[in-house]
């Protein structure tokens, strides 16, 4: 009985090593893409922390599924089902990682950047250098500048003055009531 447990533990450990390396690589990549020159450092740090938490959750789920595979090795059908679920989680994790890297790099349109990423060997920095129009200083919408010439919605106005002004513009005589 002890030999079976040792074999399962060794199998889970060997299967878990690529995941541990992947998390470390993702954390290093997040540090590289965040950089010191990024605007909104607090937002970037929060996004990075949320991303790393999501990575940990995904890796824990994958480790749990690997353990279930070892336990369910007796039935090939359930093991195959679990492998498919694990592969899907890995695929989703990779998509999320790429999306996160593109957002942290300042991509204006993540979907368009993702479509062009294959042309640059999956390297976000090469994409950023090759397609600078796709990346902006920040991910926020530009603030419109200029005045409309109308008073602010909350500004109190003198209705009499407004009516006199419009009557003058229209060329009508003032009302003397």
N, C-alpha and C. Protein backbone atom coordinates (compact mmCIF):
# COMPACT_ATOMS: atom_id res chain seq x y z
N UNK A 1 0.83 -1.18 0.00
CA UNK A 1 0.00 0.00 0.00
C UNK A 1 0.88 1.25 0.00
N UNK A 2 1.99 1.24 0.77
CA UNK A 2 2.89 2.39 0.82
C UNK A 2 3.55 2.63 -0.52
N UNK A 3 3.84 1.56 -1.28
CA UNK A 3 4.49 1.70 -2.58
C UNK A 3 3.58 2.39 -3.57
N UNK A 4 2.29 2.12 -3.49
CA UNK A 4 1.35 2.77 -4.40
C UNK A 4 1.29 4.27 -4.13
N UNK A 5 1.26 4.65 -2.86
CA UNK A 5 1.20 6.07 -2.51
C UNK A 5 2.47 6.78 -2.94
N UNK A 6 3.63 6.13 -2.77
CA UNK A 6 4.89 6.74 -3.20
C UNK A 6 4.91 6.93 -4.70
N UNK A 7 4.39 5.98 -5.44
CA UNK A 7 4.35 6.09 -6.90
C UNK A 7 3.44 7.22 -7.34
N UNK A 8 2.28 7.36 -6.67
CA UNK A 8 1.34 8.44 -7.01
C UNK A 8 1.96 9.79 -6.69
N UNK A 9 2.64 9.89 -5.55
CA UNK A 9 3.26 11.15 -5.16
C UNK A 9 4.36 11.53 -6.15
N UNK A 10 5.16 10.53 -6.56
CA UNK A 10 6.23 10.81 -7.52
C UNK A 10 5.63 11.23 -8.85
N UNK A 11 4.55 10.56 -9.26
CA UNK A 11 3.90 10.91 -10.53
C UNK A 11 3.33 12.32 -10.47
N UNK A 12 2.68 12.67 -9.37
CA UNK A 12 2.10 14.01 -9.22
C UNK A 12 3.20 15.06 -9.18
N UNK A 13 4.34 14.72 -8.51
CA UNK A 13 5.42 15.69 -8.42
C UNK A 13 6.02 15.92 -9.80
N UNK A 14 6.28 14.86 -10.55
CA UNK A 14 6.85 15.00 -11.89
C UNK A 14 5.88 15.75 -12.78
N UNK A 15 4.59 15.43 -12.67
CA UNK A 15 3.60 16.10 -13.50
C UNK A 15 3.45 17.56 -13.08
N UNK A 16 3.69 17.89 -11.83
CA UNK A 16 3.52 19.25 -11.35
C UNK A 16 4.71 20.15 -11.63
N UNK A 17 5.90 19.59 -11.94
CA UNK A 17 7.07 20.42 -12.16
C UNK A 17 6.90 21.41 -13.30
N UNK A 18 6.37 21.04 -14.48
CA UNK A 18 6.21 22.04 -15.53
C UNK A 18 5.28 23.17 -15.10
N UNK A 19 4.28 22.88 -14.27
CA UNK A 19 3.36 23.92 -13.82
C UNK A 19 4.09 24.92 -12.94
N UNK A 20 4.94 24.42 -12.04
CA UNK A 20 5.66 25.32 -11.15
C UNK A 20 6.57 26.23 -11.97
N UNK A 21 7.23 25.65 -12.97
CA UNK A 21 8.09 26.46 -13.83
C UNK A 21 7.26 27.46 -14.61
N UNK A 22 6.07 27.08 -15.06
CA UNK A 22 5.21 27.97 -15.82
C UNK A 22 4.75 29.15 -14.98
N UNK A 23 4.44 28.93 -13.71
CA UNK A 23 4.00 30.02 -12.84
C UNK A 23 5.15 30.98 -12.61
N UNK A 24 6.38 30.43 -12.37
CA UNK A 24 7.52 31.31 -12.17
C UNK A 24 7.79 32.13 -13.42
N UNK A 25 7.69 31.51 -14.57
CA UNK A 25 7.91 32.23 -15.83
C UNK A 25 6.85 33.30 -16.02
N UNK A 26 5.60 33.01 -15.67
CA UNK A 26 4.52 34.00 -15.80
C UNK A 26 4.76 35.17 -14.87
N UNK A 27 5.21 34.88 -13.64
CA UNK A 27 5.48 35.96 -12.68
C UNK A 27 6.63 36.83 -13.18
N UNK A 28 7.70 36.19 -13.72
CA UNK A 28 8.81 36.96 -14.27
C UNK A 28 8.35 37.78 -15.46
N UNK A 29 7.52 37.22 -16.30
CA UNK A 29 7.02 37.93 -17.47
C UNK A 29 6.18 39.12 -17.05
N UNK A 30 5.35 38.95 -16.00
CA UNK A 30 4.51 40.04 -15.52
C UNK A 30 5.39 41.17 -14.99
N UNK A 31 6.52 40.82 -14.35
CA UNK A 31 7.42 41.85 -13.85
C UNK A 31 8.06 42.59 -15.02
N UNK A 32 8.43 41.86 -16.07
CA UNK A 32 9.08 42.47 -17.23
C UNK A 32 8.10 43.37 -17.97
N UNK A 33 6.87 42.90 -18.19
CA UNK A 33 5.92 43.70 -18.97
C UNK A 33 5.40 44.87 -18.19
N UNK A 34 5.35 44.80 -16.85
CA UNK A 34 4.87 45.92 -16.04
C UNK A 34 5.82 47.09 -16.15
N UNK A 35 7.12 46.85 -15.97
CA UNK A 35 8.14 47.87 -16.12
C UNK A 35 7.96 49.05 -15.19
N UNK A 36 9.00 49.87 -15.07
CA UNK A 36 8.93 51.03 -14.20
C UNK A 36 8.25 52.19 -14.90
N UNK A 37 8.19 52.20 -16.21
CA UNK A 37 7.64 53.34 -16.93
C UNK A 37 6.17 53.23 -17.22
N UNK A 38 5.48 52.24 -16.68
CA UNK A 38 4.06 52.09 -17.00
C UNK A 38 3.24 53.06 -16.18
N UNK A 39 2.21 53.61 -16.81
CA UNK A 39 1.32 54.55 -16.12
C UNK A 39 0.36 53.77 -15.25
N UNK A 40 -0.07 54.36 -14.16
CA UNK A 40 -1.03 53.70 -13.28
C UNK A 40 -0.42 52.50 -12.61
N UNK A 41 0.69 52.68 -11.92
CA UNK A 41 1.40 51.59 -11.28
C UNK A 41 0.54 50.81 -10.32
N UNK A 42 -0.32 51.49 -9.57
CA UNK A 42 -1.18 50.80 -8.62
C UNK A 42 -2.15 49.88 -9.35
N UNK A 43 -2.73 50.36 -10.45
CA UNK A 43 -3.64 49.53 -11.24
C UNK A 43 -2.91 48.34 -11.83
N UNK A 44 -1.70 48.58 -12.30
CA UNK A 44 -0.92 47.49 -12.88
C UNK A 44 -0.56 46.46 -11.81
N UNK A 45 -0.20 46.94 -10.62
CA UNK A 45 0.13 46.01 -9.53
C UNK A 45 -1.08 45.20 -9.13
N UNK A 46 -2.25 45.85 -9.07
CA UNK A 46 -3.48 45.14 -8.70
C UNK A 46 -3.83 44.11 -9.78
N UNK A 47 -3.69 44.52 -11.05
CA UNK A 47 -3.98 43.59 -12.13
C UNK A 47 -3.01 42.41 -12.10
N UNK A 48 -1.75 42.70 -11.82
CA UNK A 48 -0.74 41.63 -11.75
C UNK A 48 -1.07 40.68 -10.60
N UNK A 49 -1.47 41.25 -9.45
CA UNK A 49 -1.81 40.41 -8.28
C UNK A 49 -3.03 39.55 -8.59
N UNK A 50 -4.03 40.14 -9.24
CA UNK A 50 -5.23 39.37 -9.61
C UNK A 50 -4.87 38.27 -10.60
N UNK A 51 -4.00 38.58 -11.54
CA UNK A 51 -3.59 37.60 -12.54
C UNK A 51 -2.83 36.45 -11.87
N UNK A 52 -1.92 36.79 -10.96
CA UNK A 52 -1.15 35.76 -10.28
C UNK A 52 -2.05 34.90 -9.40
N UNK A 53 -3.06 35.50 -8.79
CA UNK A 53 -4.02 34.73 -7.99
C UNK A 53 -4.79 33.76 -8.89
N UNK A 54 -5.18 34.24 -10.06
CA UNK A 54 -5.89 33.37 -11.01
C UNK A 54 -4.98 32.23 -11.47
N UNK A 55 -3.70 32.54 -11.67
CA UNK A 55 -2.75 31.49 -12.06
C UNK A 55 -2.64 30.43 -10.96
N UNK A 56 -2.54 30.88 -9.72
CA UNK A 56 -2.44 29.93 -8.61
C UNK A 56 -3.68 29.05 -8.55
N UNK A 57 -4.86 29.65 -8.71
CA UNK A 57 -6.10 28.87 -8.68
C UNK A 57 -6.12 27.84 -9.81
N UNK A 58 -5.72 28.26 -11.00
CA UNK A 58 -5.70 27.35 -12.14
C UNK A 58 -4.70 26.22 -11.90
N UNK A 59 -3.51 26.57 -11.39
CA UNK A 59 -2.50 25.55 -11.14
C UNK A 59 -2.94 24.57 -10.06
N UNK A 60 -3.64 25.07 -9.03
CA UNK A 60 -4.17 24.18 -8.00
C UNK A 60 -5.20 23.24 -8.60
N UNK A 61 -6.04 23.76 -9.48
CA UNK A 61 -7.07 22.92 -10.13
C UNK A 61 -6.40 21.86 -11.01
N UNK A 62 -5.36 22.25 -11.72
CA UNK A 62 -4.63 21.29 -12.57
C UNK A 62 -3.98 20.22 -11.70
N UNK A 63 -3.37 20.62 -10.58
CA UNK A 63 -2.76 19.65 -9.67
C UNK A 63 -3.81 18.69 -9.13
N UNK A 64 -4.99 19.22 -8.79
CA UNK A 64 -6.07 18.37 -8.29
C UNK A 64 -6.51 17.39 -9.37
N UNK A 65 -6.61 17.88 -10.61
CA UNK A 65 -7.01 16.99 -11.70
C UNK A 65 -5.94 15.92 -11.96
N UNK A 66 -4.68 16.29 -11.84
CA UNK A 66 -3.62 15.29 -12.01
C UNK A 66 -3.72 14.22 -10.93
N UNK A 67 -4.04 14.63 -9.72
CA UNK A 67 -4.24 13.66 -8.64
C UNK A 67 -5.42 12.75 -8.92
N UNK A 68 -6.49 13.34 -9.46
CA UNK A 68 -7.67 12.54 -9.81
C UNK A 68 -7.34 11.56 -10.94
N UNK A 69 -6.49 11.98 -11.87
CA UNK A 69 -6.09 11.08 -12.95
C UNK A 69 -5.35 9.88 -12.38
N UNK A 70 -4.46 10.14 -11.44
CA UNK A 70 -3.71 9.04 -10.83
C UNK A 70 -4.66 8.09 -10.11
N UNK A 71 -5.67 8.62 -9.42
CA UNK A 71 -6.63 7.78 -8.72
C UNK A 71 -7.56 7.05 -9.68
N UNK A 72 -7.87 7.70 -10.79
CA UNK A 72 -8.83 7.12 -11.72
C UNK A 72 -8.13 6.36 -12.86
N UNK A 73 -6.87 6.03 -12.66
CA UNK A 73 -6.13 5.33 -13.71
C UNK A 73 -6.73 3.97 -14.03
N UNK A 74 -7.55 3.45 -13.12
CA UNK A 74 -8.17 2.15 -13.36
C UNK A 74 -9.17 2.21 -14.49
N UNK A 75 -9.81 3.34 -14.64
CA UNK A 75 -10.79 3.48 -15.72
C UNK A 75 -10.27 4.49 -16.73
N UNK A 76 -9.93 4.01 -17.87
CA UNK A 76 -9.34 4.85 -18.91
C UNK A 76 -10.30 5.94 -19.38
N UNK A 77 -11.57 5.67 -19.34
CA UNK A 77 -12.54 6.64 -19.82
C UNK A 77 -12.55 7.89 -18.93
N UNK A 78 -12.59 7.70 -17.63
CA UNK A 78 -12.59 8.85 -16.74
C UNK A 78 -11.25 9.58 -16.78
N UNK A 79 -10.16 8.85 -16.95
CA UNK A 79 -8.85 9.47 -17.06
C UNK A 79 -8.78 10.33 -18.32
N UNK A 80 -9.32 9.85 -19.41
CA UNK A 80 -9.31 10.62 -20.66
C UNK A 80 -10.17 11.88 -20.53
N UNK A 81 -11.30 11.75 -19.86
CA UNK A 81 -12.17 12.90 -19.63
C UNK A 81 -11.43 13.96 -18.81
N UNK A 82 -10.73 13.52 -17.77
CA UNK A 82 -9.99 14.45 -16.93
C UNK A 82 -8.82 15.08 -17.70
N UNK A 83 -8.17 14.32 -18.56
CA UNK A 83 -7.09 14.88 -19.38
C UNK A 83 -7.61 15.96 -20.32
N UNK A 84 -8.78 15.72 -20.90
CA UNK A 84 -9.37 16.72 -21.79
C UNK A 84 -9.68 18.00 -21.01
N UNK A 85 -10.24 17.84 -19.81
CA UNK A 85 -10.55 19.01 -18.98
C UNK A 85 -9.28 19.76 -18.60
N UNK A 86 -8.22 19.01 -18.28
CA UNK A 86 -6.95 19.61 -17.93
C UNK A 86 -6.34 20.35 -19.12
N UNK A 87 -6.41 19.76 -20.31
CA UNK A 87 -5.90 20.42 -21.51
C UNK A 87 -6.67 21.70 -21.80
N UNK A 88 -7.98 21.66 -21.60
CA UNK A 88 -8.81 22.85 -21.81
C UNK A 88 -8.42 23.95 -20.82
N UNK A 89 -8.18 23.58 -19.57
CA UNK A 89 -7.75 24.56 -18.58
C UNK A 89 -6.40 25.17 -18.95
N UNK A 90 -5.50 24.34 -19.44
CA UNK A 90 -4.19 24.86 -19.87
C UNK A 90 -4.34 25.81 -21.05
N UNK A 91 -5.20 25.45 -21.99
CA UNK A 91 -5.42 26.31 -23.17
C UNK A 91 -6.01 27.66 -22.73
N UNK A 92 -7.01 27.61 -21.84
CA UNK A 92 -7.61 28.84 -21.35
C UNK A 92 -6.59 29.68 -20.58
N UNK A 93 -5.75 29.01 -19.80
CA UNK A 93 -4.71 29.71 -19.05
C UNK A 93 -3.74 30.41 -19.98
N UNK A 94 -3.38 29.77 -21.07
CA UNK A 94 -2.47 30.37 -22.04
C UNK A 94 -3.13 31.58 -22.72
N UNK A 95 -4.40 31.45 -23.07
CA UNK A 95 -5.12 32.58 -23.66
C UNK A 95 -5.19 33.76 -22.70
N UNK A 96 -5.45 33.47 -21.44
CA UNK A 96 -5.52 34.53 -20.43
C UNK A 96 -4.15 35.18 -20.24
N UNK A 97 -3.10 34.38 -20.26
CA UNK A 97 -1.75 34.91 -20.09
C UNK A 97 -1.41 35.87 -21.23
N UNK A 98 -1.72 35.45 -22.46
CA UNK A 98 -1.43 36.29 -23.62
C UNK A 98 -2.25 37.59 -23.55
N UNK A 99 -3.52 37.47 -23.21
CA UNK A 99 -4.37 38.65 -23.08
C UNK A 99 -3.84 39.60 -22.01
N UNK A 100 -3.40 39.05 -20.89
CA UNK A 100 -2.86 39.86 -19.81
C UNK A 100 -1.59 40.57 -20.26
N UNK A 101 -0.71 39.86 -20.93
CA UNK A 101 0.53 40.47 -21.41
C UNK A 101 0.23 41.61 -22.38
N UNK A 102 -0.73 41.40 -23.28
CA UNK A 102 -1.08 42.44 -24.24
C UNK A 102 -1.68 43.65 -23.54
N UNK A 103 -2.53 43.41 -22.54
CA UNK A 103 -3.11 44.53 -21.78
C UNK A 103 -2.02 45.30 -21.04
N UNK A 104 -1.11 44.59 -20.42
CA UNK A 104 -0.04 45.24 -19.67
C UNK A 104 0.90 46.00 -20.61
N UNK A 105 1.00 45.56 -21.85
CA UNK A 105 1.85 46.25 -22.82
C UNK A 105 1.16 47.48 -23.39
N UNK A 106 -0.14 47.65 -23.09
CA UNK A 106 -0.87 48.83 -23.55
C UNK A 106 -1.57 48.66 -24.88
N UNK A 107 -1.95 47.43 -25.20
CA UNK A 107 -2.64 47.19 -26.48
C UNK A 107 -3.98 47.92 -26.49
N UNK A 108 -4.24 48.63 -27.59
CA UNK A 108 -5.51 49.34 -27.73
C UNK A 108 -6.64 48.35 -28.00
N UNK A 109 -6.34 47.28 -28.74
CA UNK A 109 -7.34 46.28 -29.08
C UNK A 109 -6.68 44.91 -28.91
N UNK A 110 -7.01 44.23 -27.84
CA UNK A 110 -6.38 42.95 -27.50
C UNK A 110 -6.70 41.91 -28.57
N UNK A 111 -7.91 41.91 -29.08
CA UNK A 111 -8.31 40.91 -30.08
C UNK A 111 -7.48 41.07 -31.36
N UNK A 112 -7.28 42.31 -31.80
CA UNK A 112 -6.47 42.56 -32.99
C UNK A 112 -5.01 42.21 -32.73
N UNK A 113 -4.52 42.57 -31.56
CA UNK A 113 -3.13 42.27 -31.21
C UNK A 113 -2.90 40.76 -31.15
N UNK A 114 -3.89 40.04 -30.59
CA UNK A 114 -3.78 38.58 -30.51
C UNK A 114 -3.72 37.96 -31.91
N UNK A 115 -4.49 38.53 -32.84
CA UNK A 115 -4.51 38.01 -34.21
C UNK A 115 -3.16 38.21 -34.89
N UNK A 116 -2.48 39.31 -34.60
CA UNK A 116 -1.19 39.59 -35.23
C UNK A 116 -0.01 38.97 -34.50
N UNK A 117 -0.24 38.49 -33.30
CA UNK A 117 0.84 37.98 -32.46
C UNK A 117 1.56 36.79 -33.10
N UNK A 118 0.84 35.96 -33.82
CA UNK A 118 1.46 34.79 -34.46
C UNK A 118 2.51 35.21 -35.50
N UNK A 119 2.30 36.36 -36.14
CA UNK A 119 3.26 36.86 -37.14
C UNK A 119 4.57 37.28 -36.50
N UNK A 120 4.56 37.48 -35.20
CA UNK A 120 5.75 37.92 -34.47
C UNK A 120 6.22 36.86 -33.48
N UNK A 121 6.00 35.60 -33.83
CA UNK A 121 6.46 34.44 -33.07
C UNK A 121 5.95 34.44 -31.63
N UNK A 122 4.80 35.05 -31.39
CA UNK A 122 4.21 35.06 -30.06
C UNK A 122 4.90 36.00 -29.09
N UNK A 123 5.81 36.84 -29.56
CA UNK A 123 6.55 37.76 -28.70
C UNK A 123 5.87 39.13 -28.70
N UNK A 124 5.37 39.54 -27.54
CA UNK A 124 4.64 40.80 -27.41
C UNK A 124 5.55 41.99 -27.71
N UNK A 125 6.80 41.93 -27.28
CA UNK A 125 7.72 43.04 -27.51
C UNK A 125 8.00 43.22 -29.00
N UNK A 126 8.15 42.11 -29.74
CA UNK A 126 8.35 42.21 -31.18
C UNK A 126 7.12 42.80 -31.85
N UNK A 127 5.94 42.39 -31.39
CA UNK A 127 4.69 42.92 -31.93
C UNK A 127 4.60 44.41 -31.65
N UNK A 128 4.96 44.81 -30.47
CA UNK A 128 4.90 46.22 -30.09
C UNK A 128 5.86 47.06 -30.94
N UNK A 129 7.03 46.51 -31.23
CA UNK A 129 8.01 47.22 -32.07
C UNK A 129 7.56 47.24 -33.53
N UNK A 130 6.96 46.15 -34.00
CA UNK A 130 6.56 46.06 -35.40
C UNK A 130 5.25 46.76 -35.71
N UNK A 131 4.36 46.85 -34.75
CA UNK A 131 3.03 47.45 -34.95
C UNK A 131 2.77 48.49 -33.86
N UNK A 132 3.50 49.60 -33.86
CA UNK A 132 3.35 50.57 -32.77
C UNK A 132 1.97 51.22 -32.72
N UNK A 133 1.29 51.28 -33.83
CA UNK A 133 -0.06 51.87 -33.87
C UNK A 133 -1.05 51.11 -33.01
N UNK A 134 -0.75 49.84 -32.75
CA UNK A 134 -1.66 48.98 -32.00
C UNK A 134 -1.56 49.20 -30.49
N UNK A 135 -0.53 49.92 -30.09
CA UNK A 135 -0.29 50.14 -28.67
C UNK A 135 -0.33 51.63 -28.38
N UNK A 136 -0.93 51.97 -27.26
CA UNK A 136 -1.02 53.37 -26.85
C UNK A 136 -0.38 53.57 -25.50
N UNK A 137 -0.38 54.80 -25.07
CA UNK A 137 0.22 55.12 -23.78
C UNK A 137 -0.56 54.48 -22.64
N UNK A 138 -1.86 54.40 -22.79
CA UNK A 138 -2.69 53.81 -21.75
C UNK A 138 -3.89 53.15 -22.36
N UNK A 139 -4.56 52.36 -21.57
CA UNK A 139 -5.72 51.63 -22.07
C UNK A 139 -7.01 52.42 -21.88
N UNK A 140 -6.89 53.65 -21.33
CA UNK A 140 -8.10 54.42 -21.09
C UNK A 140 -8.47 55.23 -22.32
N UNK A 141 -9.73 55.58 -22.43
CA UNK A 141 -10.21 56.38 -23.55
C UNK A 141 -9.71 57.81 -23.39
N UNK A 142 -9.43 58.50 -24.51
CA UNK A 142 -8.97 59.88 -24.41
C UNK A 142 -10.07 60.78 -23.86
N UNK A 143 -9.66 61.77 -23.10
CA UNK A 143 -10.60 62.72 -22.52
C UNK A 143 -10.89 63.78 -23.58
N UNK A 144 -12.16 64.02 -23.91
CA UNK A 144 -12.46 65.03 -24.92
C UNK A 144 -12.08 66.42 -24.43
N UNK A 145 -11.55 67.21 -25.33
CA UNK A 145 -11.14 68.57 -24.99
C UNK A 145 -12.01 69.55 -25.75
N UNK A 146 -12.16 70.75 -25.22
CA UNK A 146 -12.92 71.80 -25.91
C UNK A 146 -14.18 72.13 -25.15
N UNK A 147 -14.82 73.20 -25.58
CA UNK A 147 -16.04 73.65 -24.92
C UNK A 147 -17.19 73.61 -25.91
N UNK A 148 -18.36 73.39 -25.40
CA UNK A 148 -19.55 73.36 -26.26
C UNK A 148 -20.20 74.72 -26.34
N UNK A 149 -19.84 75.61 -25.43
CA UNK A 149 -20.45 76.92 -25.42
C UNK A 149 -21.72 76.96 -24.61
N UNK A 150 -22.14 75.84 -24.09
CA UNK A 150 -23.34 75.78 -23.26
C UNK A 150 -22.94 75.76 -21.80
N UNK A 151 -23.81 76.27 -20.94
CA UNK A 151 -23.48 76.23 -19.52
C UNK A 151 -23.52 74.80 -19.00
N UNK A 152 -22.80 74.56 -17.92
CA UNK A 152 -22.81 73.25 -17.29
C UNK A 152 -24.22 72.94 -16.80
N UNK A 153 -24.54 71.68 -16.70
CA UNK A 153 -25.88 71.27 -16.31
C UNK A 153 -26.25 71.74 -14.92
N UNK A 154 -25.30 71.86 -14.03
CA UNK A 154 -25.61 72.23 -12.66
C UNK A 154 -25.53 73.72 -12.39
N UNK A 155 -25.23 74.53 -13.39
CA UNK A 155 -25.05 75.96 -13.19
C UNK A 155 -26.41 76.64 -13.11
N UNK A 156 -26.60 77.48 -12.11
CA UNK A 156 -27.85 78.24 -11.98
C UNK A 156 -27.81 79.38 -12.99
N UNK A 157 -28.94 79.62 -13.66
CA UNK A 157 -29.00 80.67 -14.66
C UNK A 157 -30.15 81.61 -14.35
N UNK A 158 -30.08 82.77 -14.91
CA UNK A 158 -31.14 83.76 -14.78
C UNK A 158 -32.00 83.63 -16.03
N UNK A 159 -33.22 83.11 -15.87
CA UNK A 159 -34.08 82.89 -17.03
C UNK A 159 -34.39 84.18 -17.75
N UNK A 160 -34.54 85.25 -17.03
CA UNK A 160 -34.84 86.53 -17.66
C UNK A 160 -33.70 86.97 -18.56
N UNK A 161 -32.47 86.83 -18.09
CA UNK A 161 -31.31 87.20 -18.89
C UNK A 161 -31.21 86.31 -20.13
N UNK A 162 -31.51 85.04 -19.96
CA UNK A 162 -31.45 84.13 -21.10
C UNK A 162 -32.50 84.51 -22.15
N UNK A 163 -33.71 84.80 -21.70
CA UNK A 163 -34.77 85.19 -22.65
C UNK A 163 -34.43 86.50 -23.35
N UNK A 164 -33.88 87.48 -22.62
CA UNK A 164 -33.50 88.75 -23.24
C UNK A 164 -32.41 88.51 -24.29
N UNK A 165 -31.49 87.64 -23.98
CA UNK A 165 -30.41 87.34 -24.94
C UNK A 165 -30.98 86.75 -26.21
N UNK A 166 -31.83 85.74 -26.08
CA UNK A 166 -32.39 85.09 -27.26
C UNK A 166 -33.32 86.04 -28.04
N UNK A 167 -34.04 86.89 -27.35
CA UNK A 167 -34.88 87.88 -28.04
C UNK A 167 -34.00 88.83 -28.83
N UNK A 168 -32.88 89.25 -28.24
CA UNK A 168 -31.95 90.14 -28.94
C UNK A 168 -31.38 89.48 -30.18
N UNK A 169 -31.03 88.18 -30.07
CA UNK A 169 -30.47 87.44 -31.21
C UNK A 169 -31.51 87.32 -32.31
N UNK A 170 -32.78 87.09 -31.90
CA UNK A 170 -33.86 86.92 -32.88
C UNK A 170 -34.37 88.26 -33.43
N UNK A 171 -33.94 89.36 -32.82
CA UNK A 171 -34.38 90.65 -33.29
C UNK A 171 -35.77 91.02 -32.81
N UNK A 172 -36.25 90.44 -31.75
CA UNK A 172 -37.57 90.73 -31.20
C UNK A 172 -37.47 91.81 -30.12
N UNK A 173 -38.49 92.61 -29.98
CA UNK A 173 -38.46 93.62 -28.92
C UNK A 173 -38.57 92.97 -27.54
N UNK A 174 -38.01 93.61 -26.54
CA UNK A 174 -38.09 93.09 -25.18
C UNK A 174 -39.51 93.15 -24.67
N UNK A 175 -39.89 92.20 -23.91
CA UNK A 175 -41.21 92.17 -23.29
C UNK A 175 -41.16 93.01 -22.03
N UNK A 176 -42.07 93.99 -21.92
CA UNK A 176 -42.11 94.83 -20.72
C UNK A 176 -43.42 94.59 -20.03
N UNK A 177 -43.42 93.72 -19.12
CA UNK A 177 -44.66 93.38 -18.41
C UNK A 177 -44.75 94.03 -17.10
